[in-house]
Amino acid sequence: MTVSTLDTDTAVAFSPRGPLSAAVLSCLVHGDDSVDLPELAATAVSETTDIVRDDDIQLALFVLYASSYGSLPALDASREWDAGVVTARRLLEDAFEAALRETVPVPELPEPTVDAVGRALFALAAADAGPSVARYIAKKATREQAEESLILRSIYTLREADPHSWAIPRLTGRAKAALVEIQSDEYGGGRPQRVHAELYARAMRAADLDDTYGAYVDDAPAITLASHNLMTLFGLNRRLVGAIVGHLAAYEMTSSIPCRFYADGLRRLGFTDEVAAYFDEHVEADAVHEQIAARDLAGSLAEDRPEVLGDIVFGAAACLTVDGWAGQHMLDAWAAGASALRGRESS
């Protein structure tokens, strides 16, 4: 079964990955109320053995979140706050969050001060032993593997910064000012052509890839969707404002050096400077952002609201852990001579 999610000339067809994602798409695209979404969601949660890697659940959650982002125009905006839709989303979110809290290793909490939190987050990032896709791209990847990396990265990066922006109205004072400073850079500082998502879209076009948002959803395994869903879970829920702040801090602290490796690898493989330009931009920008995110944003929030310190550290740890799982999926596939893209046999 294939459900068209766009009714324009740039139509994208998603293939449901089970009864839940099929029902979610049918409801949000065609207004189909014939299926009880909360019941289906509850059944999917009760039957899954690994919610983080469950294709049906992660695709369903991705589409439910896309309704709030407005990233897929064919999703009926009037259904965003439909009671059944929201209830189903909450059931999936609660189970997803519970699984993460059970599996993500979280270090001992620091004192809730700017300096202590900043040092703890930098130590957490430095201790991260997750796989380095960036180093692989720099030294070993084939051109096709690099293209696969660009494709999978597009699930988030064509919407770059949006999940973290949910936190802006939920913060005050120093933390709010710090987040706005970071996001202003992410959105180009008032220059549309410098918006980071647009830089990535240009990189995809220069690499002869489709820059339409959602074009490669069918190619994204559950763990890739889970990485995006994680930050949306944190960003969209006000009670988890600490977690989205911690997520952003960890994301920024582990971006600058890997982006240099990506740029080097893309040039090694013969991609043009226009493809590498997105990564060049982040080598410098994220080196600045990491300091703001760790201290002025996360540290200030912990100092002003000590009750969210645990979520700040959890959000940072979850970012590193889930992104590590997504990276390991790619490296394992390539080591086996296979494609990292879903449903493709070889790279």
C-alpha atoms as a PDB file:
ATOM      1  CA  MET A   1       0.000   0.000   0.000  1.00  0.00           C
ATOM      2  CA  THR A   2       1.293   3.446  -0.915  1.00  0.00           C
ATOM      3  CA  VAL A   3      -0.250   6.650   0.383  1.00  0.00           C
ATOM      4  CA  SER A   4       0.414   9.887  -1.473  1.00  0.00           C
ATOM      5  CA  THR A   5       1.366  12.550   1.033  1.00  0.00           C
ATOM      6  CA  LEU A   6       1.536  15.434  -1.412  1.00  0.00           C
ATOM      7  CA  ASP A   7      -0.904  16.437  -4.094  1.00  0.00           C
ATOM      8  CA  THR A   8       1.443  18.795  -5.930  1.00  0.00           C
ATOM      9  CA  ASP A   9       3.804  18.295  -8.841  1.00  0.00           C
ATOM     10  CA  THR A  10       6.475  17.269  -6.308  1.00  0.00           C
ATOM     11  CA  ALA A  11       4.367  14.423  -4.898  1.00  0.00           C
ATOM     12  CA  VAL A  12       6.110  12.088  -2.503  1.00  0.00           C
ATOM     13  CA  ALA A  13       4.783   8.611  -1.870  1.00  0.00           C
ATOM     14  CA  PHE A  14       5.321   7.025   1.524  1.00  0.00           C
ATOM     15  CA  SER A  15       4.904   3.329   1.968  1.00  0.00           C
ATOM     16  CA  PRO A  16       3.335   2.462   5.328  1.00  0.00           C
ATOM     17  CA  ARG A  17       5.380   0.025   7.363  1.00  0.00           C
ATOM     18  CA  GLY A  18       2.511  -1.578   9.237  1.00  0.00           C
ATOM     19  CA  PRO A  19      -1.111  -1.060  10.269  1.00  0.00           C
ATOM     20  CA  LEU A  20      -0.399   1.906  12.549  1.00  0.00           C
ATOM     21  CA  SER A  21       1.544   4.032  10.060  1.00  0.00           C
ATOM     22  CA  ALA A  22      -0.983   3.132   7.347  1.00  0.00           C
ATOM     23  CA  ALA A  23      -3.831   4.355   9.530  1.00  0.00           C
ATOM     24  CA  VAL A  24      -2.005   7.541  10.546  1.00  0.00           C
ATOM     25  CA  LEU A  25      -1.303   8.435   6.923  1.00  0.00           C
ATOM     26  CA  SER A  26      -4.847   7.627   5.870  1.00  0.00           C
ATOM     27  CA  CYS A  27      -6.247   9.775   8.677  1.00  0.00           C
ATOM     28  CA  LEU A  28      -3.980  12.789   8.187  1.00  0.00           C
ATOM     29  CA  VAL A  29      -4.003  12.760   4.389  1.00  0.00           C
ATOM     30  CA  HIS A  30      -7.503  11.580   3.535  1.00  0.00           C
ATOM     31  CA  GLY A  31      -9.451  12.271   6.734  1.00  0.00           C
ATOM     32  CA  ASP A  32     -10.196   8.593   7.228  1.00  0.00           C
ATOM     33  CA  ASP A  33     -11.807   8.039  10.636  1.00  0.00           C
ATOM     34  CA  SER A  34     -12.642   4.392  10.137  1.00  0.00           C
ATOM     35  CA  VAL A  35      -9.790   3.167  12.348  1.00  0.00           C
ATOM     36  CA  ASP A  36      -9.316   3.821  16.074  1.00  0.00           C
ATOM     37  CA  LEU A  37      -5.828   5.365  16.135  1.00  0.00           C
ATOM     38  CA  PRO A  38      -5.356   5.203  19.926  1.00  0.00           C
ATOM     39  CA  GLU A  39      -6.297   1.523  19.941  1.00  0.00           C
ATOM     40  CA  LEU A  40      -3.865   0.799  17.117  1.00  0.00           C
ATOM     41  CA  ALA A  41      -1.134   2.774  18.884  1.00  0.00           C
ATOM     42  CA  ALA A  42      -1.696   0.887  22.134  1.00  0.00           C
ATOM     43  CA  THR A  43      -1.562  -2.422  20.289  1.00  0.00           C
ATOM     44  CA  ALA A  44       1.648  -1.470  18.475  1.00  0.00           C
ATOM     45  CA  VAL A  45       3.289  -0.467  21.759  1.00  0.00           C
ATOM     46  CA  SER A  46       2.221  -3.667  23.505  1.00  0.00           C
ATOM     47  CA  GLU A  47       3.500  -5.868  20.688  1.00  0.00           C
ATOM     48  CA  THR A  48       6.824  -4.228  19.827  1.00  0.00           C
ATOM     49  CA  THR A  49      10.062  -5.737  21.055  1.00  0.00           C
ATOM     50  CA  ASP A  50      12.131  -2.602  20.390  1.00  0.00           C
ATOM     51  CA  ILE A  51      10.233   0.647  19.977  1.00  0.00           C
ATOM     52  CA  VAL A  52      13.352   2.578  18.968  1.00  0.00           C
ATOM     53  CA  ARG A  53      13.861   0.338  15.930  1.00  0.00           C
ATOM     54  CA  ASP A  54      10.215  -0.415  15.178  1.00  0.00           C
ATOM     55  CA  ASP A  55       9.549   0.737  11.612  1.00  0.00           C
ATOM     56  CA  ASP A  56       5.780   1.007  11.983  1.00  0.00           C
ATOM     57  CA  ILE A  57       5.892   2.992  15.229  1.00  0.00           C
ATOM     58  CA  GLN A  58       8.727   5.327  14.250  1.00  0.00           C
ATOM     59  CA  LEU A  59       7.170   6.153  10.882  1.00  0.00           C
ATOM     60  CA  ALA A  60       3.793   6.765  12.530  1.00  0.00           C
ATOM     61  CA  LEU A  61       5.386   9.075  15.097  1.00  0.00           C
ATOM     62  CA  PHE A  62       7.363  10.863  12.378  1.00  0.00           C
ATOM     63  CA  VAL A  63       4.178  11.593  10.415  1.00  0.00           C
ATOM     64  CA  LEU A  64       2.286  12.693  13.524  1.00  0.00           C
ATOM     65  CA  TYR A  65       5.090  15.127  14.308  1.00  0.00           C
ATOM     66  CA  ALA A  66       5.226  16.305  10.685  1.00  0.00           C
ATOM     67  CA  SER A  67       1.647  17.478  11.112  1.00  0.00           C
ATOM     68  CA  SER A  68       2.776  19.977  13.755  1.00  0.00           C
ATOM     69  CA  TYR A  69       5.833  21.093  11.790  1.00  0.00           C
ATOM     70  CA  GLY A  70       3.834  21.597   8.614  1.00  0.00           C
ATOM     71  CA  SER A  71       6.697  19.916   6.774  1.00  0.00           C
ATOM     72  CA  LEU A  72       4.441  17.736   4.624  1.00  0.00           C
ATOM     73  CA  PRO A  73       1.819  19.959   2.955  1.00  0.00           C
ATOM     74  CA  ALA A  74      -0.643  17.172   2.223  1.00  0.00           C
ATOM     75  CA  LEU A  75      -1.206  16.460   5.905  1.00  0.00           C
ATOM     76  CA  ASP A  76      -4.528  18.094   6.721  1.00  0.00           C
ATOM     77  CA  ALA A  77      -3.796  20.978   9.106  1.00  0.00           C
ATOM     78  CA  SER A  78      -7.264  20.732  10.621  1.00  0.00           C
ATOM     79  CA  ARG A  79      -6.413  17.272  11.969  1.00  0.00           C
ATOM     80  CA  GLU A  80      -3.367  18.389  13.984  1.00  0.00           C
ATOM     81  CA  TRP A  81      -5.273  18.607  17.291  1.00  0.00           C
ATOM     82  CA  ASP A  82      -7.832  15.904  16.554  1.00  0.00           C
ATOM     83  CA  ALA A  83      -8.441  14.079  19.846  1.00  0.00           C
ATOM     84  CA  GLY A  84      -7.677  10.649  18.421  1.00  0.00           C
ATOM     85  CA  VAL A  85      -4.511  11.883  16.720  1.00  0.00           C
ATOM     86  CA  VAL A  86      -3.210  13.552  19.887  1.00  0.00           C
ATOM     87  CA  THR A  87      -4.076  10.542  22.054  1.00  0.00           C
ATOM     88  CA  ALA A  88      -2.278   8.167  19.693  1.00  0.00           C
ATOM     89  CA  ARG A  89       0.754  10.436  19.622  1.00  0.00           C
ATOM     90  CA  ARG A  90       0.838  10.636  23.408  1.00  0.00           C
ATOM     91  CA  LEU A  91       0.713   6.832  23.718  1.00  0.00           C
ATOM     92  CA  LEU A  92       3.667   6.473  21.352  1.00  0.00           C
ATOM     93  CA  GLU A  93       5.600   9.306  22.987  1.00  0.00           C
ATOM     94  CA  ASP A  94       5.186   7.902  26.480  1.00  0.00           C
ATOM     95  CA  ALA A  95       6.400   4.468  25.431  1.00  0.00           C
ATOM     96  CA  PHE A  96       9.297   5.910  23.412  1.00  0.00           C
ATOM     97  CA  GLU A  97      10.409   8.119  26.296  1.00  0.00           C
ATOM     98  CA  ALA A  98      10.117   5.254  28.792  1.00  0.00           C
ATOM     99  CA  ALA A  99      12.298   3.028  26.610  1.00  0.00           C
ATOM    100  CA  LEU A 100      14.932   5.748  26.317  1.00  0.00           C
ATOM    101  CA  ARG A 101      15.007   6.422  30.035  1.00  0.00           C
ATOM    102  CA  GLU A 102      15.556   2.705  30.617  1.00  0.00           C
ATOM    103  CA  THR A 103      18.385   2.318  28.107  1.00  0.00           C
ATOM    104  CA  VAL A 104      20.275   5.621  27.853  1.00  0.00           C
ATOM    105  CA  PRO A 105      23.209   5.745  30.296  1.00  0.00           C
ATOM    106  CA  VAL A 106      23.134   9.003  32.258  1.00  0.00           C
ATOM    107  CA  PRO A 107      26.154  10.197  34.278  1.00  0.00           C
ATOM    108  CA  GLU A 108      26.059  11.581  37.791  1.00  0.00           C
ATOM    109  CA  LEU A 109      24.507  15.016  37.886  1.00  0.00           C
ATOM    110  CA  PRO A 110      26.782  18.029  38.422  1.00  0.00           C
ATOM    111  CA  GLU A 111      26.021  20.973  40.661  1.00  0.00           C
ATOM    112  CA  PRO A 112      23.407  23.257  39.075  1.00  0.00           C
ATOM    113  CA  THR A 113      25.809  26.055  38.202  1.00  0.00           C
ATOM    114  CA  VAL A 114      26.884  27.446  34.860  1.00  0.00           C
ATOM    115  CA  ASP A 115      30.461  26.282  35.265  1.00  0.00           C
ATOM    116  CA  ALA A 116      29.709  22.824  36.640  1.00  0.00           C
ATOM    117  CA  VAL A 117      27.054  22.041  34.028  1.00  0.00           C
ATOM    118  CA  GLY A 118      29.235  23.308  31.204  1.00  0.00           C
ATOM    119  CA  ARG A 119      32.163  21.183  32.332  1.00  0.00           C
ATOM    120  CA  ALA A 120      29.930  18.122  32.791  1.00  0.00           C
ATOM    121  CA  LEU A 121      28.458  18.410  29.314  1.00  0.00           C
ATOM    122  CA  PHE A 122      31.857  18.827  27.692  1.00  0.00           C
ATOM    123  CA  ALA A 123      33.099  15.803  29.626  1.00  0.00           C
ATOM    124  CA  LEU A 124      30.083  13.781  28.505  1.00  0.00           C
ATOM    125  CA  ALA A 125      30.700  14.692  24.866  1.00  0.00           C
ATOM    126  CA  ALA A 126      34.432  13.997  25.157  1.00  0.00           C
ATOM    127  CA  ALA A 127      33.769  10.562  26.677  1.00  0.00           C
ATOM    128  CA  ASP A 128      31.363   9.596  23.894  1.00  0.00           C
ATOM    129  CA  ALA A 129      32.727   6.458  22.297  1.00  0.00           C
ATOM    130  CA  GLY A 130      30.084   6.259  19.615  1.00  0.00           C
ATOM    131  CA  PRO A 131      30.897   5.378  16.026  1.00  0.00           C
ATOM    132  CA  SER A 132      32.330   8.094  13.807  1.00  0.00           C
ATOM    133  CA  VAL A 133      30.555   8.117  10.483  1.00  0.00           C
ATOM    134  CA  ALA A 134      32.350  11.390   9.730  1.00  0.00           C
ATOM    135  CA  ARG A 135      35.792   9.803  10.041  1.00  0.00           C
ATOM    136  CA  TYR A 136      34.651   6.954   7.806  1.00  0.00           C
ATOM    137  CA  ILE A 137      33.411   9.417   5.190  1.00  0.00           C
ATOM    138  CA  ALA A 138      36.731  11.270   5.386  1.00  0.00           C
ATOM    139  CA  LYS A 139      38.935   8.223   4.875  1.00  0.00           C
ATOM    140  CA  LYS A 140      37.112   5.162   3.557  1.00  0.00           C
ATOM    141  CA  ALA A 141      33.663   5.798   2.156  1.00  0.00           C
ATOM    142  CA  THR A 142      32.754   5.259  -1.469  1.00  0.00           C
ATOM    143  CA  ARG A 143      30.883   7.950  -3.323  1.00  0.00           C
ATOM    144  CA  GLU A 144      27.667   5.928  -3.050  1.00  0.00           C
ATOM    145  CA  GLN A 145      28.096   5.589   0.711  1.00  0.00           C
ATOM    146  CA  ALA A 146      28.618   9.332   1.014  1.00  0.00           C
ATOM    147  CA  GLU A 147      25.407   9.871  -0.946  1.00  0.00           C
ATOM    148  CA  GLU A 148      23.609   7.526   1.438  1.00  0.00           C
ATOM    149  CA  SER A 149      24.895   9.567   4.349  1.00  0.00           C
ATOM    150  CA  LEU A 150      23.591  12.762   2.754  1.00  0.00           C
ATOM    151  CA  ILE A 151      20.214  11.113   2.156  1.00  0.00           C
ATOM    152  CA  LEU A 152      19.803   9.891   5.725  1.00  0.00           C
ATOM    153  CA  ARG A 153      21.003  13.178   7.166  1.00  0.00           C
ATOM    154  CA  SER A 154      18.311  14.983   5.147  1.00  0.00           C
ATOM    155  CA  ILE A 155      15.541  13.630   7.398  1.00  0.00           C
ATOM    156  CA  TYR A 156      16.631  16.154  10.021  1.00  0.00           C
ATOM    157  CA  THR A 157      18.866  18.634   8.247  1.00  0.00           C
ATOM    158  CA  LEU A 158      16.309  19.857   5.718  1.00  0.00           C
ATOM    159  CA  ARG A 159      14.425  20.986   8.831  1.00  0.00           C
ATOM    160  CA  GLU A 160      17.566  21.947  10.747  1.00  0.00           C
ATOM    161  CA  ALA A 161      17.051  23.887  13.988  1.00  0.00           C
ATOM    162  CA  ASP A 162      13.263  23.579  13.967  1.00  0.00           C
ATOM    163  CA  PRO A 163      12.974  20.948  16.759  1.00  0.00           C
ATOM    164  CA  HIS A 164      15.047  23.067  19.124  1.00  0.00           C
ATOM    165  CA  SER A 165      13.093  26.225  18.361  1.00  0.00           C
ATOM    166  CA  TRP A 166      10.081  24.833  20.215  1.00  0.00           C
ATOM    167  CA  ALA A 167      11.988  25.714  23.395  1.00  0.00           C
ATOM    168  CA  ILE A 168      12.231  29.454  22.724  1.00  0.00           C
ATOM    169  CA  PRO A 169       8.834  30.485  24.190  1.00  0.00           C
ATOM    170  CA  ARG A 170       9.378  28.117  27.132  1.00  0.00           C
ATOM    171  CA  LEU A 171      12.587  29.745  28.320  1.00  0.00           C
ATOM    172  CA  THR A 172      13.257  33.089  29.961  1.00  0.00           C
ATOM    173  CA  GLY A 173      16.195  35.328  30.722  1.00  0.00           C
ATOM    174  CA  ARG A 174      19.733  34.145  30.040  1.00  0.00           C
ATOM    175  CA  ALA A 175      18.768  30.765  28.630  1.00  0.00           C
ATOM    176  CA  LYS A 176      16.261  32.262  26.204  1.00  0.00           C
ATOM    177  CA  ALA A 177      18.755  34.848  24.979  1.00  0.00           C
ATOM    178  CA  ALA A 178      21.377  32.140  24.416  1.00  0.00           C
ATOM    179  CA  LEU A 179      19.022  29.908  22.457  1.00  0.00           C
ATOM    180  CA  VAL A 180      17.876  32.802  20.275  1.00  0.00           C
ATOM    181  CA  GLU A 181      21.511  33.671  19.571  1.00  0.00           C
ATOM    182  CA  ILE A 182      22.192  30.123  18.376  1.00  0.00           C
ATOM    183  CA  GLN A 183      18.984  29.847  16.372  1.00  0.00           C
ATOM    184  CA  SER A 184      19.552  33.189  14.694  1.00  0.00           C
ATOM    185  CA  ASP A 185      22.720  31.758  13.178  1.00  0.00           C
ATOM    186  CA  GLU A 186      20.915  28.541  12.244  1.00  0.00           C
ATOM    187  CA  TYR A 187      18.302  30.563  10.376  1.00  0.00           C
ATOM    188  CA  GLY A 188      20.847  32.629   8.498  1.00  0.00           C
ATOM    189  CA  GLY A 189      20.933  35.795  10.593  1.00  0.00           C
ATOM    190  CA  GLY A 190      18.197  37.352   8.490  1.00  0.00           C
ATOM    191  CA  ARG A 191      19.659  36.174   5.166  1.00  0.00           C
ATOM    192  CA  PRO A 192      17.420  33.511   3.580  1.00  0.00           C
ATOM    193  CA  GLN A 193      20.241  32.135   1.450  1.00  0.00           C
ATOM    194  CA  ARG A 194      22.278  31.440   4.619  1.00  0.00           C
ATOM    195  CA  VAL A 195      19.600  29.439   6.439  1.00  0.00           C
ATOM    196  CA  HIS A 196      21.321  26.174   7.274  1.00  0.00           C
ATOM    197  CA  ALA A 197      18.480  24.036   5.963  1.00  0.00           C
ATOM    198  CA  GLU A 198      18.746  25.893   2.658  1.00  0.00           C
ATOM    199  CA  LEU A 199      22.514  25.375   2.598  1.00  0.00           C
ATOM    200  CA  TYR A 200      21.844  21.668   2.940  1.00  0.00           C
ATOM    201  CA  ALA A 201      19.190  21.730   0.230  1.00  0.00           C
ATOM    202  CA  ARG A 202      21.725  23.344  -2.107  1.00  0.00           C
ATOM    203  CA  ALA A 203      24.253  20.668  -1.167  1.00  0.00           C
ATOM    204  CA  MET A 204      21.771  17.932  -2.054  1.00  0.00           C
ATOM    205  CA  ARG A 205      20.949  19.528  -5.378  1.00  0.00           C
ATOM    206  CA  ALA A 206      24.642  19.865  -6.175  1.00  0.00           C
ATOM    207  CA  ALA A 207      25.056  16.170  -5.373  1.00  0.00           C
ATOM    208  CA  ASP A 208      22.210  15.345  -7.796  1.00  0.00           C
ATOM    209  CA  LEU A 209      19.919  14.337  -4.937  1.00  0.00           C
ATOM    210  CA  ASP A 210      16.295  15.353  -4.398  1.00  0.00           C
ATOM    211  CA  ASP A 211      16.014  18.217  -1.912  1.00  0.00           C
ATOM    212  CA  THR A 212      12.232  17.896  -1.511  1.00  0.00           C
ATOM    213  CA  TYR A 213      11.519  17.390   2.161  1.00  0.00           C
ATOM    214  CA  GLY A 214      10.387  13.817   2.722  1.00  0.00           C
ATOM    215  CA  ALA A 215      11.665  12.501  -0.595  1.00  0.00           C
ATOM    216  CA  TYR A 216      13.781   9.877   1.131  1.00  0.00           C
ATOM    217  CA  VAL A 217      11.544   8.856   4.020  1.00  0.00           C
ATOM    218  CA  ASP A 218      11.075   5.408   2.480  1.00  0.00           C
ATOM    219  CA  ASP A 219      14.869   5.002   2.502  1.00  0.00           C
ATOM    220  CA  ALA A 220      15.257   5.911   6.172  1.00  0.00           C
ATOM    221  CA  PRO A 221      15.391   2.995   8.623  1.00  0.00           C
ATOM    222  CA  ALA A 222      13.520   3.247  11.901  1.00  0.00           C
ATOM    223  CA  ILE A 223      16.643   4.262  13.826  1.00  0.00           C
ATOM    224  CA  THR A 224      17.133   7.295  11.556  1.00  0.00           C
ATOM    225  CA  LEU A 225      13.533   8.356  12.079  1.00  0.00           C
ATOM    226  CA  ALA A 226      13.980   7.745  15.818  1.00  0.00           C
ATOM    227  CA  SER A 227      16.877  10.215  15.931  1.00  0.00           C
ATOM    228  CA  HIS A 228      14.623  12.938  14.506  1.00  0.00           C
ATOM    229  CA  ASN A 229      11.645  11.858  16.592  1.00  0.00           C
ATOM    230  CA  LEU A 230      13.778  12.063  19.734  1.00  0.00           C
ATOM    231  CA  MET A 231      14.462  15.766  19.375  1.00  0.00           C
ATOM    232  CA  THR A 232      10.855  16.457  18.418  1.00  0.00           C
ATOM    233  CA  LEU A 233       9.654  14.548  21.480  1.00  0.00           C
ATOM    234  CA  PHE A 234      11.852  16.754  23.638  1.00  0.00           C
ATOM    235  CA  GLY A 235      11.050  19.973  21.800  1.00  0.00           C
ATOM    236  CA  LEU A 236       7.310  19.620  21.444  1.00  0.00           C
ATOM    237  CA  ASN A 237       6.611  18.741  25.079  1.00  0.00           C
ATOM    238  CA  ARG A 238       6.934  21.686  27.454  1.00  0.00           C
ATOM    239  CA  ARG A 239       7.665  19.422  30.440  1.00  0.00           C
ATOM    240  CA  LEU A 240      10.834  18.269  28.623  1.00  0.00           C
ATOM    241  CA  VAL A 241      12.331  21.713  28.004  1.00  0.00           C
ATOM    242  CA  GLY A 242      15.423  20.662  29.933  1.00  0.00           C
ATOM    243  CA  ALA A 243      15.885  17.644  27.673  1.00  0.00           C
ATOM    244  CA  ILE A 244      15.724  19.642  24.443  1.00  0.00           C
ATOM    245  CA  VAL A 245      18.269  22.107  25.863  1.00  0.00           C
ATOM    246  CA  GLY A 246      20.590  19.241  26.785  1.00  0.00           C
ATOM    247  CA  HIS A 247      20.062  17.681  23.370  1.00  0.00           C
ATOM    248  CA  LEU A 248      21.052  20.889  21.601  1.00  0.00           C
ATOM    249  CA  ALA A 249      24.137  21.283  23.779  1.00  0.00           C
ATOM    250  CA  ALA A 250      25.349  17.765  22.978  1.00  0.00           C
ATOM    251  CA  TYR A 251      24.491  18.172  19.299  1.00  0.00           C
ATOM    252  CA  GLU A 252      26.498  21.377  18.989  1.00  0.00           C
ATOM    253  CA  MET A 253      29.445  19.994  20.970  1.00  0.00           C
ATOM    254  CA  THR A 254      29.801  17.012  18.635  1.00  0.00           C
ATOM    255  CA  SER A 255      29.338  18.790  15.312  1.00  0.00           C
ATOM    256  CA  SER A 256      32.282  21.039  14.494  1.00  0.00           C
ATOM    257  CA  ILE A 257      35.076  18.461  14.063  1.00  0.00           C
ATOM    258  CA  PRO A 258      32.855  15.862  12.346  1.00  0.00           C
ATOM    259  CA  CYS A 259      31.742  18.506   9.858  1.00  0.00           C
ATOM    260  CA  ARG A 260      35.373  19.095   8.924  1.00  0.00           C
ATOM    261  CA  PHE A 261      35.756  15.359   8.296  1.00  0.00           C
ATOM    262  CA  TYR A 262      32.604  15.347   6.164  1.00  0.00           C
ATOM    263  CA  ALA A 263      33.871  18.256   4.071  1.00  0.00           C
ATOM    264  CA  ASP A 264      37.259  16.578   3.595  1.00  0.00           C
ATOM    265  CA  GLY A 265      35.662  13.286   2.620  1.00  0.00           C
ATOM    266  CA  LEU A 266      33.225  14.817   0.163  1.00  0.00           C
ATOM    267  CA  ARG A 267      36.050  16.649  -1.599  1.00  0.00           C
ATOM    268  CA  ARG A 268      38.153  13.466  -1.600  1.00  0.00           C
ATOM    269  CA  LEU A 269      35.317  11.720  -3.421  1.00  0.00           C
ATOM    270  CA  GLY A 270      35.022  14.432  -6.067  1.00  0.00           C
ATOM    271  CA  PHE A 271      31.941  16.283  -4.810  1.00  0.00           C
ATOM    272  CA  THR A 272      31.923  19.995  -5.579  1.00  0.00           C
ATOM    273  CA  ASP A 273      32.602  22.775  -3.112  1.00  0.00           C
ATOM    274  CA  GLU A 274      28.879  23.549  -3.169  1.00  0.00           C
ATOM    275  CA  VAL A 275      28.193  20.141  -1.608  1.00  0.00           C
ATOM    276  CA  ALA A 276      30.891  20.629   1.020  1.00  0.00           C
ATOM    277  CA  ALA A 277      29.880  24.231   1.768  1.00  0.00           C
ATOM    278  CA  TYR A 278      27.195  23.202   4.242  1.00  0.00           C
ATOM    279  CA  PHE A 279      29.769  21.341   6.317  1.00  0.00           C
ATOM    280  CA  ASP A 280      32.355  24.129   5.950  1.00  0.00           C
ATOM    281  CA  GLU A 281      29.815  26.515   7.468  1.00  0.00           C
ATOM    282  CA  HIS A 282      29.399  24.323  10.540  1.00  0.00           C
ATOM    283  CA  VAL A 283      33.089  23.890  11.289  1.00  0.00           C
ATOM    284  CA  GLU A 284      33.284  27.476  12.508  1.00  0.00           C
ATOM    285  CA  ALA A 285      29.676  28.085  13.543  1.00  0.00           C
ATOM    286  CA  ASP A 286      29.363  25.062  15.803  1.00  0.00           C
ATOM    287  CA  ALA A 287      32.695  25.721  17.485  1.00  0.00           C
ATOM    288  CA  VAL A 288      31.101  28.940  18.729  1.00  0.00           C
ATOM    289  CA  HIS A 289      27.670  27.436  19.345  1.00  0.00           C
ATOM    290  CA  GLU A 290      29.008  24.674  21.595  1.00  0.00           C
ATOM    291  CA  GLN A 291      30.231  27.191  24.150  1.00  0.00           C
ATOM    292  CA  ILE A 292      26.965  29.128  24.116  1.00  0.00           C
ATOM    293  CA  ALA A 293      24.874  25.948  24.280  1.00  0.00           C
ATOM    294  CA  ALA A 294      26.799  24.301  27.109  1.00  0.00           C
ATOM    295  CA  ARG A 295      27.235  27.307  29.380  1.00  0.00           C
ATOM    296  CA  ASP A 296      24.952  30.204  28.490  1.00  0.00           C
ATOM    297  CA  LEU A 297      22.010  27.982  27.573  1.00  0.00           C
ATOM    298  CA  ALA A 298      22.216  24.707  29.528  1.00  0.00           C
ATOM    299  CA  GLY A 299      24.267  26.052  32.424  1.00  0.00           C
ATOM    300  CA  SER A 300      22.105  29.111  32.879  1.00  0.00           C
ATOM    301  CA  LEU A 301      18.907  27.084  32.706  1.00  0.00           C
ATOM    302  CA  ALA A 302      20.183  24.659  35.349  1.00  0.00           C
ATOM    303  CA  GLU A 303      21.239  27.526  37.578  1.00  0.00           C
ATOM    304  CA  ASP A 304      17.893  29.293  37.246  1.00  0.00           C
ATOM    305  CA  ARG A 305      15.777  26.113  37.340  1.00  0.00           C
ATOM    306  CA  PRO A 306      17.673  23.351  39.194  1.00  0.00           C
ATOM    307  CA  GLU A 307      14.651  21.050  38.985  1.00  0.00           C
ATOM    308  CA  VAL A 308      15.318  20.467  35.250  1.00  0.00           C
ATOM    309  CA  LEU A 309      19.004  19.585  35.664  1.00  0.00           C
ATOM    310  CA  GLY A 310      18.294  15.856  35.410  1.00  0.00           C
ATOM    311  CA  ASP A 311      16.474  16.320  32.114  1.00  0.00           C
ATOM    312  CA  ILE A 312      19.281  18.510  30.739  1.00  0.00           C
ATOM    313  CA  VAL A 313      21.813  15.746  31.307  1.00  0.00           C
ATOM    314  CA  PHE A 314      19.386  13.066  30.106  1.00  0.00           C
ATOM    315  CA  GLY A 315      18.705  15.020  26.904  1.00  0.00           C
ATOM    316  CA  ALA A 316      22.421  15.334  26.186  1.00  0.00           C
ATOM    317  CA  ALA A 317      23.043  11.651  26.873  1.00  0.00           C
ATOM    318  CA  ALA A 318      20.058  10.615  24.748  1.00  0.00           C
ATOM    319  CA  CYS A 319      21.342  12.709  21.828  1.00  0.00           C
ATOM    320  CA  LEU A 320      24.741  11.027  21.914  1.00  0.00           C
ATOM    321  CA  THR A 321      23.293   7.540  22.427  1.00  0.00           C
ATOM    322  CA  VAL A 322      20.569   7.550  19.777  1.00  0.00           C
ATOM    323  CA  ASP A 323      22.720   9.298  17.193  1.00  0.00           C
ATOM    324  CA  GLY A 324      25.378   6.701  17.988  1.00  0.00           C
ATOM    325  CA  TRP A 325      22.895   3.918  17.267  1.00  0.00           C
ATOM    326  CA  ALA A 326      21.976   5.558  13.959  1.00  0.00           C
ATOM    327  CA  GLY A 327      25.645   5.928  13.034  1.00  0.00           C
ATOM    328  CA  GLN A 328      26.388   2.330  13.966  1.00  0.00           C
ATOM    329  CA  HIS A 329      23.607   1.181  11.658  1.00  0.00           C
ATOM    330  CA  MET A 330      25.329   2.885   8.738  1.00  0.00           C
ATOM    331  CA  LEU A 331      28.794   1.583   9.548  1.00  0.00           C
ATOM    332  CA  ASP A 332      27.535  -1.972  10.119  1.00  0.00           C
ATOM    333  CA  ALA A 333      25.733  -1.957   6.771  1.00  0.00           C
ATOM    334  CA  TRP A 334      28.757  -0.645   4.902  1.00  0.00           C
ATOM    335  CA  ALA A 335      31.110  -3.096   6.630  1.00  0.00           C
ATOM    336  CA  ALA A 336      28.848  -5.900   5.403  1.00  0.00           C
ATOM    337  CA  GLY A 337      28.934  -4.555   1.854  1.00  0.00           C
ATOM    338  CA  ALA A 338      25.270  -3.565   2.118  1.00  0.00           C
ATOM    339  CA  SER A 339      23.359  -0.324   1.758  1.00  0.00           C
ATOM    340  CA  ALA A 340      22.502   1.705   4.837  1.00  0.00           C
ATOM    341  CA  LEU A 341      19.248   2.682   3.158  1.00  0.00           C
ATOM    342  CA  ARG A 342      16.127   0.753   3.961  1.00  0.00           C
ATOM    343  CA  GLY A 343      15.125  -1.810   1.364  1.00  0.00           C
ATOM    344  CA  ARG A 344      18.308  -1.599  -0.704  1.00  0.00           C
ATOM    345  CA  GLU A 345      20.546  -4.617  -0.915  1.00  0.00           C
ATOM    346  CA  SER A 346      24.028  -3.257  -1.599  1.00  0.00           C
ATOM    347  CA  SER A 347      26.007  -0.031  -1.615  1.00  0.00           C
END
